[in-house]
């Protein structure tokens, strides 16, 4: 028996554009495809979560690396030698100095530096006829330096200067016997302090001051040209080979004159008439 099919029937069977055909084909679509479409949002969420986790992990790793680098730098700084550190050293404090003349000695005290040594000199105080000149004693160095000079030796063009001589007299028993008549030694000293004073009539310095030396007040004779009063060391040096009283710049001990009737000082006692006055040079 043969079966015949009408062409129009075949056309209906294979016509997929009809709604019935689409429905019939939809029944044949696999279910896995339908599940995959519904799982796409979940996959995207999972991928985003992994991305966030990876970023956080990367940041944490870099943070740990930075902490390790900082710790290494600190360790290197602590292990560097002290000489390589930059240290601001303050400037040394200003140190003042003061100079003074030590009359009667070739050297300075142990707390001072010697600038130079020499011999005492001044205008003539032993002659009534020589009224001019200066009134200060000078400490002349042993090695003078000359500039321009004229040696005509005209007395009207000069003011003379003489060596200063001790007139200490052996019988006074204050300076050694050989001192009398010799030229006075002297030295210029530099002390690491800011000021200095000479205190007449004292042997000690005020509290907080340094004693440079002590001695006796000396100046020219009472009836001759006036000269300054200086403090001569109690243990004087003298220039050897100069013992000859020449009437130059002479040095006598200074004593109080207590006769008030003739203008003497009125503080006797404690001052004593004709007693040799002491002195001290102090610095601070």
C-alpha atoms as a PDB file:
ATOM      1  CA  UNK A   1       0.000   0.000   0.000  1.00  0.00           C
ATOM      2  CA  UNK A   2       1.407   3.325  -0.946  1.00  0.00           C
ATOM      3  CA  UNK A   3       1.033   6.433   0.972  1.00  0.00           C
ATOM      4  CA  UNK A   4       0.742   9.650  -0.877  1.00  0.00           C
ATOM      5  CA  UNK A   5       1.340  13.004   0.550  1.00  0.00           C
ATOM      6  CA  UNK A   6       0.028  16.171  -0.730  1.00  0.00           C
ATOM      7  CA  UNK A   7       2.661  18.849  -1.405  1.00  0.00           C
ATOM      8  CA  UNK A   8       0.675  21.330   0.524  1.00  0.00           C
ATOM      9  CA  UNK A   9       0.785  19.079   3.511  1.00  0.00           C
ATOM     10  CA  UNK A  10       4.596  18.889   3.325  1.00  0.00           C
ATOM     11  CA  UNK A  11       4.801  22.583   3.175  1.00  0.00           C
ATOM     12  CA  UNK A  12       2.795  22.916   6.327  1.00  0.00           C
ATOM     13  CA  UNK A  13       4.905  20.373   8.104  1.00  0.00           C
ATOM     14  CA  UNK A  14       8.251  22.202   7.407  1.00  0.00           C
ATOM     15  CA  UNK A  15       6.998  25.719   7.666  1.00  0.00           C
ATOM     16  CA  UNK A  16       8.842  26.964  10.734  1.00  0.00           C
ATOM     17  CA  UNK A  17       7.487  30.414  10.511  1.00  0.00           C
ATOM     18  CA  UNK A  18       4.198  29.317  11.877  1.00  0.00           C
ATOM     19  CA  UNK A  19       3.564  29.704  15.586  1.00  0.00           C
ATOM     20  CA  UNK A  20       2.829  26.076  16.018  1.00  0.00           C
ATOM     21  CA  UNK A  21       6.132  25.142  14.482  1.00  0.00           C
ATOM     22  CA  UNK A  22       8.059  27.517  16.808  1.00  0.00           C
ATOM     23  CA  UNK A  23       6.342  26.037  19.765  1.00  0.00           C
ATOM     24  CA  UNK A  24       7.182  22.565  18.641  1.00  0.00           C
ATOM     25  CA  UNK A  25      10.847  23.497  18.194  1.00  0.00           C
ATOM     26  CA  UNK A  26      11.044  25.196  21.511  1.00  0.00           C
ATOM     27  CA  UNK A  27      10.222  21.996  23.151  1.00  0.00           C
ATOM     28  CA  UNK A  28      13.339  20.473  21.624  1.00  0.00           C
ATOM     29  CA  UNK A  29      15.853  23.387  23.011  1.00  0.00           C
ATOM     30  CA  UNK A  30      18.222  21.948  25.688  1.00  0.00           C
ATOM     31  CA  UNK A  31      17.601  23.075  29.290  1.00  0.00           C
ATOM     32  CA  UNK A  32      21.331  23.776  29.912  1.00  0.00           C
ATOM     33  CA  UNK A  33      21.135  26.753  27.603  1.00  0.00           C
ATOM     34  CA  UNK A  34      18.297  28.147  29.569  1.00  0.00           C
ATOM     35  CA  UNK A  35      20.296  27.717  32.883  1.00  0.00           C
ATOM     36  CA  UNK A  36      23.436  29.373  31.458  1.00  0.00           C
ATOM     37  CA  UNK A  37      21.576  32.526  30.580  1.00  0.00           C
ATOM     38  CA  UNK A  38      20.197  32.784  34.070  1.00  0.00           C
ATOM     39  CA  UNK A  39      23.707  32.223  35.675  1.00  0.00           C
ATOM     40  CA  UNK A  40      25.447  35.155  33.891  1.00  0.00           C
ATOM     41  CA  UNK A  41      24.739  37.741  36.620  1.00  0.00           C
ATOM     42  CA  UNK A  42      26.063  35.356  39.268  1.00  0.00           C
ATOM     43  CA  UNK A  43      29.317  34.798  37.333  1.00  0.00           C
ATOM     44  CA  UNK A  44      29.812  38.522  36.894  1.00  0.00           C
ATOM     45  CA  UNK A  45      29.331  39.055  40.618  1.00  0.00           C
ATOM     46  CA  UNK A  46      31.824  36.325  41.432  1.00  0.00           C
ATOM     47  CA  UNK A  47      34.414  37.823  39.056  1.00  0.00           C
ATOM     48  CA  UNK A  48      33.919  41.276  40.579  1.00  0.00           C
ATOM     49  CA  UNK A  49      34.366  39.794  44.057  1.00  0.00           C
ATOM     50  CA  UNK A  50      37.642  38.137  43.031  1.00  0.00           C
ATOM     51  CA  UNK A  51      38.819  41.427  41.533  1.00  0.00           C
ATOM     52  CA  UNK A  52      38.095  43.284  44.783  1.00  0.00           C
ATOM     53  CA  UNK A  53      39.797  40.580  46.824  1.00  0.00           C
ATOM     54  CA  UNK A  54      42.859  40.693  44.542  1.00  0.00           C
ATOM     55  CA  UNK A  55      43.088  44.480  44.804  1.00  0.00           C
ATOM     56  CA  UNK A  56      42.867  44.364  48.596  1.00  0.00           C
ATOM     57  CA  UNK A  57      45.513  41.660  48.713  1.00  0.00           C
ATOM     58  CA  UNK A  58      47.833  43.676  46.462  1.00  0.00           C
ATOM     59  CA  UNK A  59      47.429  46.772  48.610  1.00  0.00           C
ATOM     60  CA  UNK A  60      48.171  44.740  51.738  1.00  0.00           C
ATOM     61  CA  UNK A  61      51.312  43.269  50.173  1.00  0.00           C
ATOM     62  CA  UNK A  62      52.558  46.724  49.114  1.00  0.00           C
ATOM     63  CA  UNK A  63      51.811  48.117  52.590  1.00  0.00           C
ATOM     64  CA  UNK A  64      53.898  45.384  54.167  1.00  0.00           C
ATOM     65  CA  UNK A  65      56.744  46.138  51.733  1.00  0.00           C
ATOM     66  CA  UNK A  66      56.631  49.838  52.614  1.00  0.00           C
ATOM     67  CA  UNK A  67      56.733  49.067  56.332  1.00  0.00           C
ATOM     68  CA  UNK A  68      59.745  46.812  55.790  1.00  0.00           C
ATOM     69  CA  UNK A  69      61.551  49.548  53.793  1.00  0.00           C
ATOM     70  CA  UNK A  70      60.875  52.157  56.512  1.00  0.00           C
ATOM     71  CA  UNK A  71      62.163  49.780  59.193  1.00  0.00           C
ATOM     72  CA  UNK A  72      65.336  49.161  57.143  1.00  0.00           C
ATOM     73  CA  UNK A  73      65.977  52.900  56.742  1.00  0.00           C
ATOM     74  CA  UNK A  74      65.600  53.449  60.492  1.00  0.00           C
ATOM     75  CA  UNK A  75      67.957  50.581  61.188  1.00  0.00           C
ATOM     76  CA  UNK A  76      70.584  52.002  58.818  1.00  0.00           C
ATOM     77  CA  UNK A  77      70.386  55.429  60.482  1.00  0.00           C
ATOM     78  CA  UNK A  78      70.899  53.923  63.929  1.00  0.00           C
ATOM     79  CA  UNK A  79      73.908  51.875  62.821  1.00  0.00           C
ATOM     80  CA  UNK A  80      75.749  54.792  61.145  1.00  0.00           C
ATOM     81  CA  UNK A  81      78.867  56.000  63.020  1.00  0.00           C
ATOM     82  CA  UNK A  82      78.493  59.112  65.138  1.00  0.00           C
ATOM     83  CA  UNK A  83      81.032  61.004  62.997  1.00  0.00           C
ATOM     84  CA  UNK A  84      78.716  60.890  59.976  1.00  0.00           C
ATOM     85  CA  UNK A  85      75.832  62.601  61.735  1.00  0.00           C
ATOM     86  CA  UNK A  86      75.216  66.247  61.007  1.00  0.00           C
ATOM     87  CA  UNK A  87      75.684  67.996  64.338  1.00  0.00           C
ATOM     88  CA  UNK A  88      75.283  71.722  64.791  1.00  0.00           C
ATOM     89  CA  UNK A  89      78.207  72.766  66.974  1.00  0.00           C
ATOM     90  CA  UNK A  90      77.639  76.119  68.676  1.00  0.00           C
ATOM     91  CA  UNK A  91      80.451  78.644  68.309  1.00  0.00           C
ATOM     92  CA  UNK A  92      82.811  78.924  71.263  1.00  0.00           C
ATOM     93  CA  UNK A  93      81.926  81.646  73.737  1.00  0.00           C
ATOM     94  CA  UNK A  94      83.692  84.979  73.363  1.00  0.00           C
ATOM     95  CA  UNK A  95      86.841  85.119  75.499  1.00  0.00           C
ATOM     96  CA  UNK A  96      87.824  88.647  76.593  1.00  0.00           C
ATOM     97  CA  UNK A  97      91.412  89.603  77.423  1.00  0.00           C
ATOM     98  CA  UNK A  98      92.978  92.415  79.409  1.00  0.00           C
ATOM     99  CA  UNK A  99      96.571  93.629  79.433  1.00  0.00           C
ATOM    100  CA  UNK A 100      98.587  95.137  82.272  1.00  0.00           C
ATOM    101  CA  UNK A 101     102.181  96.040  83.089  1.00  0.00           C
ATOM    102  CA  UNK A 102     103.906  94.085  85.807  1.00  0.00           C
ATOM    103  CA  UNK A 103     106.365  96.632  87.135  1.00  0.00           C
ATOM    104  CA  UNK A 104     109.513  95.158  88.622  1.00  0.00           C
ATOM    105  CA  UNK A 105     109.353  91.684  87.009  1.00  0.00           C
ATOM    106  CA  UNK A 106     110.519  90.126  83.751  1.00  0.00           C
ATOM    107  CA  UNK A 107     107.759  87.494  83.812  1.00  0.00           C
ATOM    108  CA  UNK A 108     103.983  87.337  84.252  1.00  0.00           C
ATOM    109  CA  UNK A 109     101.798  85.444  86.691  1.00  0.00           C
ATOM    110  CA  UNK A 110     100.957  81.809  85.998  1.00  0.00           C
ATOM    111  CA  UNK A 111      97.451  82.759  84.834  1.00  0.00           C
ATOM    112  CA  UNK A 112      98.671  85.320  82.258  1.00  0.00           C
ATOM    113  CA  UNK A 113     100.700  85.267  79.043  1.00  0.00           C
ATOM    114  CA  UNK A 114     103.840  87.297  78.472  1.00  0.00           C
ATOM    115  CA  UNK A 115     103.537  89.815  75.627  1.00  0.00           C
ATOM    116  CA  UNK A 116     107.050  91.207  76.022  1.00  0.00           C
ATOM    117  CA  UNK A 117     109.552  92.083  78.725  1.00  0.00           C
ATOM    118  CA  UNK A 118     111.715  95.180  79.020  1.00  0.00           C
ATOM    119  CA  UNK A 119     112.855  97.886  81.422  1.00  0.00           C
ATOM    120  CA  UNK A 120     111.133 100.823  83.067  1.00  0.00           C
ATOM    121  CA  UNK A 121     111.693 104.322  81.714  1.00  0.00           C
ATOM    122  CA  UNK A 122     110.353 107.849  82.091  1.00  0.00           C
ATOM    123  CA  UNK A 123     111.168 111.536  82.176  1.00  0.00           C
ATOM    124  CA  UNK A 124     113.852 112.774  84.511  1.00  0.00           C
ATOM    125  CA  UNK A 125     112.682 113.176  88.066  1.00  0.00           C
ATOM    126  CA  UNK A 126     116.100 113.736  89.641  1.00  0.00           C
ATOM    127  CA  UNK A 127     116.833 117.236  88.386  1.00  0.00           C
ATOM    128  CA  UNK A 128     115.193 120.511  89.313  1.00  0.00           C
ATOM    129  CA  UNK A 129     116.230 121.991  85.983  1.00  0.00           C
ATOM    130  CA  UNK A 130     114.326 119.472  83.813  1.00  0.00           C
ATOM    131  CA  UNK A 131     110.652 120.333  84.222  1.00  0.00           C
ATOM    132  CA  UNK A 132     109.206 118.961  81.005  1.00  0.00           C
ATOM    133  CA  UNK A 133     108.445 115.505  79.717  1.00  0.00           C
ATOM    134  CA  UNK A 134     105.770 112.993  80.481  1.00  0.00           C
ATOM    135  CA  UNK A 135     104.463 111.819  83.806  1.00  0.00           C
ATOM    136  CA  UNK A 136     103.860 108.155  82.964  1.00  0.00           C
ATOM    137  CA  UNK A 137     106.394 105.398  83.351  1.00  0.00           C
ATOM    138  CA  UNK A 138     106.892 103.274  80.243  1.00  0.00           C
ATOM    139  CA  UNK A 139     107.918  99.654  79.802  1.00  0.00           C
ATOM    140  CA  UNK A 140     110.441  99.882  76.968  1.00  0.00           C
ATOM    141  CA  UNK A 141     111.260  96.667  75.053  1.00  0.00           C
ATOM    142  CA  UNK A 142     114.862  95.518  74.729  1.00  0.00           C
ATOM    143  CA  UNK A 143     114.703  95.456  70.900  1.00  0.00           C
ATOM    144  CA  UNK A 144     113.424  98.810  69.578  1.00  0.00           C
ATOM    145  CA  UNK A 145     112.415  99.236  65.932  1.00  0.00           C
ATOM    146  CA  UNK A 146     113.312 102.537  64.267  1.00  0.00           C
ATOM    147  CA  UNK A 147     111.611 104.539  61.564  1.00  0.00           C
ATOM    148  CA  UNK A 148     112.969 107.850  60.210  1.00  0.00           C
ATOM    149  CA  UNK A 149     115.432 109.512  62.554  1.00  0.00           C
ATOM    150  CA  UNK A 150     117.814 112.453  62.875  1.00  0.00           C
ATOM    151  CA  UNK A 151     120.938 112.321  65.035  1.00  0.00           C
ATOM    152  CA  UNK A 152     121.926 116.003  65.267  1.00  0.00           C
ATOM    153  CA  UNK A 153     121.358 115.693  69.020  1.00  0.00           C
ATOM    154  CA  UNK A 154     119.859 119.153  69.307  1.00  0.00           C
ATOM    155  CA  UNK A 155     118.403 119.449  72.778  1.00  0.00           C
ATOM    156  CA  UNK A 156     115.673 121.874  71.723  1.00  0.00           C
ATOM    157  CA  UNK A 157     114.171 119.236  69.399  1.00  0.00           C
ATOM    158  CA  UNK A 158     113.741 116.447  71.899  1.00  0.00           C
ATOM    159  CA  UNK A 159     112.055 115.383  75.091  1.00  0.00           C
ATOM    160  CA  UNK A 160     114.404 112.982  76.802  1.00  0.00           C
ATOM    161  CA  UNK A 161     113.531 109.680  78.377  1.00  0.00           C
ATOM    162  CA  UNK A 162     115.602 107.958  81.049  1.00  0.00           C
ATOM    163  CA  UNK A 163     115.805 104.524  82.580  1.00  0.00           C
ATOM    164  CA  UNK A 164     113.799 104.124  85.765  1.00  0.00           C
ATOM    165  CA  UNK A 165     115.987 103.326  88.775  1.00  0.00           C
ATOM    166  CA  UNK A 166     115.137 101.763  92.095  1.00  0.00           C
ATOM    167  CA  UNK A 167     116.031 104.039  94.984  1.00  0.00           C
ATOM    168  CA  UNK A 168     115.045 101.432  97.563  1.00  0.00           C
ATOM    169  CA  UNK A 169     118.024 101.834  99.933  1.00  0.00           C
ATOM    170  CA  UNK A 170     119.422  98.771 101.593  1.00  0.00           C
ATOM    171  CA  UNK A 171     118.757 100.026 105.149  1.00  0.00           C
ATOM    172  CA  UNK A 172     115.004 100.044 104.511  1.00  0.00           C
ATOM    173  CA  UNK A 173     115.156  96.247 104.314  1.00  0.00           C
ATOM    174  CA  UNK A 174     112.209  95.987 101.907  1.00  0.00           C
ATOM    175  CA  UNK A 175     113.892  95.040  98.638  1.00  0.00           C
ATOM    176  CA  UNK A 176     117.087  92.995  98.416  1.00  0.00           C
ATOM    177  CA  UNK A 177     120.206  95.067  98.975  1.00  0.00           C
ATOM    178  CA  UNK A 178     121.460  94.711  95.394  1.00  0.00           C
ATOM    179  CA  UNK A 179     118.264  96.194  94.007  1.00  0.00           C
ATOM    180  CA  UNK A 180     119.145  99.798  94.942  1.00  0.00           C
ATOM    181  CA  UNK A 181     120.385 101.891  92.010  1.00  0.00           C
ATOM    182  CA  UNK A 182     119.600  99.299  89.328  1.00  0.00           C
ATOM    183  CA  UNK A 183     117.230  99.870  86.437  1.00  0.00           C
ATOM    184  CA  UNK A 184     113.761  98.456  86.977  1.00  0.00           C
ATOM    185  CA  UNK A 185     112.622  95.423  84.987  1.00  0.00           C
ATOM    186  CA  UNK A 186     109.056  95.203  83.648  1.00  0.00           C
ATOM    187  CA  UNK A 187     106.792  92.979  81.570  1.00  0.00           C
ATOM    188  CA  UNK A 188     103.557  93.434  79.645  1.00  0.00           C
ATOM    189  CA  UNK A 189     101.073  90.640  80.342  1.00  0.00           C
ATOM    190  CA  UNK A 190      97.807  89.417  78.848  1.00  0.00           C
ATOM    191  CA  UNK A 191      95.194  87.858  81.133  1.00  0.00           C
ATOM    192  CA  UNK A 192      92.114  85.904  79.950  1.00  0.00           C
ATOM    193  CA  UNK A 193      89.770  88.239  81.781  1.00  0.00           C
ATOM    194  CA  UNK A 194      87.886  91.423  80.924  1.00  0.00           C
ATOM    195  CA  UNK A 195      89.228  94.089  83.305  1.00  0.00           C
ATOM    196  CA  UNK A 196      92.041  94.850  85.731  1.00  0.00           C
ATOM    197  CA  UNK A 197      92.551  97.272  88.597  1.00  0.00           C
ATOM    198  CA  UNK A 198      95.379  98.312  90.889  1.00  0.00           C
ATOM    199  CA  UNK A 199      94.305  98.649  94.519  1.00  0.00           C
ATOM    200  CA  UNK A 200      96.645 100.818  96.623  1.00  0.00           C
ATOM    201  CA  UNK A 201      97.118  99.948 100.267  1.00  0.00           C
ATOM    202  CA  UNK A 202      95.949  96.322  99.828  1.00  0.00           C
ATOM    203  CA  UNK A 203      97.636  92.956  99.396  1.00  0.00           C
ATOM    204  CA  UNK A 204      94.578  90.870  98.494  1.00  0.00           C
ATOM    205  CA  UNK A 205      91.885  91.140  95.831  1.00  0.00           C
ATOM    206  CA  UNK A 206      88.117  91.349  96.361  1.00  0.00           C
ATOM    207  CA  UNK A 207      86.098  88.141  96.260  1.00  0.00           C
ATOM    208  CA  UNK A 208      85.804  86.802  92.746  1.00  0.00           C
ATOM    209  CA  UNK A 209      88.914  88.597  91.453  1.00  0.00           C
ATOM    210  CA  UNK A 210      92.267  87.071  90.473  1.00  0.00           C
ATOM    211  CA  UNK A 211      95.491  88.411  91.991  1.00  0.00           C
ATOM    212  CA  UNK A 212      98.082  89.053  89.286  1.00  0.00           C
ATOM    213  CA  UNK A 213     100.783  90.271  91.661  1.00  0.00           C
ATOM    214  CA  UNK A 214     101.303  92.330  94.817  1.00  0.00           C
ATOM    215  CA  UNK A 215     103.974  94.829  95.710  1.00  0.00           C
ATOM    216  CA  UNK A 216     104.720  98.386  96.852  1.00  0.00           C
ATOM    217  CA  UNK A 217     103.690 101.793  95.550  1.00  0.00           C
ATOM    218  CA  UNK A 218     106.609 103.743  94.046  1.00  0.00           C
ATOM    219  CA  UNK A 219     107.065 107.075  92.243  1.00  0.00           C
ATOM    220  CA  UNK A 220     109.447 110.051  91.960  1.00  0.00           C
ATOM    221  CA  UNK A 221     110.874 111.874  94.936  1.00  0.00           C
ATOM    222  CA  UNK A 222     108.654 114.366  96.719  1.00  0.00           C
ATOM    223  CA  UNK A 223     110.685 117.462  95.748  1.00  0.00           C
ATOM    224  CA  UNK A 224     111.340 116.580  92.079  1.00  0.00           C
ATOM    225  CA  UNK A 225     109.201 116.360  88.949  1.00  0.00           C
ATOM    226  CA  UNK A 226     105.944 114.555  89.447  1.00  0.00           C
ATOM    227  CA  UNK A 227     105.584 111.063  87.958  1.00  0.00           C
ATOM    228  CA  UNK A 228     102.746 108.557  88.093  1.00  0.00           C
ATOM    229  CA  UNK A 229     102.514 106.130  90.985  1.00  0.00           C
ATOM    230  CA  UNK A 230     102.993 102.512  89.971  1.00  0.00           C
ATOM    231  CA  UNK A 231     102.708  99.183  91.768  1.00  0.00           C
ATOM    232  CA  UNK A 232     106.154  97.528  91.781  1.00  0.00           C
ATOM    233  CA  UNK A 233     106.385  93.800  92.469  1.00  0.00           C
ATOM    234  CA  UNK A 234     107.380  92.882  96.030  1.00  0.00           C
ATOM    235  CA  UNK A 235     110.134  90.583  94.675  1.00  0.00           C
ATOM    236  CA  UNK A 236     111.641  92.812  92.004  1.00  0.00           C
ATOM    237  CA  UNK A 237     113.919  91.886  89.130  1.00  0.00           C
ATOM    238  CA  UNK A 238     116.509  94.373  88.001  1.00  0.00           C
ATOM    239  CA  UNK A 239     118.634  94.840  84.914  1.00  0.00           C
ATOM    240  CA  UNK A 240     122.128  93.616  85.652  1.00  0.00           C
ATOM    241  CA  UNK A 241     125.079  95.919  85.121  1.00  0.00           C
ATOM    242  CA  UNK A 242     123.067  99.118  85.541  1.00  0.00           C
ATOM    243  CA  UNK A 243     123.731  99.992  89.191  1.00  0.00           C
ATOM    244  CA  UNK A 244     124.431 103.690  88.997  1.00  0.00           C
ATOM    245  CA  UNK A 245     122.236 106.411  90.470  1.00  0.00           C
ATOM    246  CA  UNK A 246     122.061 108.822  87.528  1.00  0.00           C
ATOM    247  CA  UNK A 247     119.178 111.055  88.475  1.00  0.00           C
ATOM    248  CA  UNK A 248     116.923 109.741  85.701  1.00  0.00           C
ATOM    249  CA  UNK A 249     113.398 108.436  86.237  1.00  0.00           C
ATOM    250  CA  UNK A 250     113.766 107.489  89.875  1.00  0.00           C
ATOM    251  CA  UNK A 251     111.476 105.299  91.966  1.00  0.00           C
ATOM    252  CA  UNK A 252     110.947 105.846  95.703  1.00  0.00           C
ATOM    253  CA  UNK A 253     108.570 104.093  98.087  1.00  0.00           C
ATOM    254  CA  UNK A 254     105.314 105.912  98.792  1.00  0.00           C
ATOM    255  CA  UNK A 255     104.247 106.516 102.399  1.00  0.00           C
ATOM    256  CA  UNK A 256     101.256 108.234 104.029  1.00  0.00           C
ATOM    257  CA  UNK A 257     101.773 111.726 105.381  1.00  0.00           C
ATOM    258  CA  UNK A 258      99.617 111.917 108.494  1.00  0.00           C
ATOM    259  CA  UNK A 259     100.315 115.481 109.682  1.00  0.00           C
ATOM    260  CA  UNK A 260      96.927 117.112 109.139  1.00  0.00           C
ATOM    261  CA  UNK A 261      98.341 120.518 110.025  1.00  0.00           C
ATOM    262  CA  UNK A 262     100.282 120.424 106.754  1.00  0.00           C
ATOM    263  CA  UNK A 263      97.576 118.818 104.646  1.00  0.00           C
ATOM    264  CA  UNK A 264      98.228 115.201 105.550  1.00  0.00           C
ATOM    265  CA  UNK A 265      95.529 112.530 105.398  1.00  0.00           C
ATOM    266  CA  UNK A 266      93.180 112.287 108.342  1.00  0.00           C
ATOM    267  CA  UNK A 267      92.781 108.494 108.325  1.00  0.00           C
ATOM    268  CA  UNK A 268      95.675 107.789 110.657  1.00  0.00           C
ATOM    269  CA  UNK A 269      95.132 105.233 112.007  1.00  0.00           C
ATOM    270  CA  UNK A 270      94.578 102.870 110.279  1.00  0.00           C
ATOM    271  CA  UNK A 271      97.183 104.495 107.999  1.00  0.00           C
ATOM    272  CA  UNK A 272     100.565 105.024 109.628  1.00  0.00           C
ATOM    273  CA  UNK A 273     102.833 107.964 108.908  1.00  0.00           C
ATOM    274  CA  UNK A 274     105.913 107.125 106.791  1.00  0.00           C
ATOM    275  CA  UNK A 275     105.023 103.421 106.460  1.00  0.00           C
ATOM    276  CA  UNK A 276     105.559 102.050 102.955  1.00  0.00           C
ATOM    277  CA  UNK A 277     102.222 101.462 101.216  1.00  0.00           C
ATOM    278  CA  UNK A 278     101.443  98.117  99.620  1.00  0.00           C
ATOM    279  CA  UNK A 279      99.424  97.465  96.463  1.00  0.00           C
ATOM    280  CA  UNK A 280      97.881  94.615  94.477  1.00  0.00           C
ATOM    281  CA  UNK A 281      96.899  94.226  90.821  1.00  0.00           C
ATOM    282  CA  UNK A 282      93.666  92.272  90.303  1.00  0.00           C
ATOM    283  CA  UNK A 283      91.796  91.066  87.237  1.00  0.00           C
ATOM    284  CA  UNK A 284      88.322  89.693  86.573  1.00  0.00           C
END
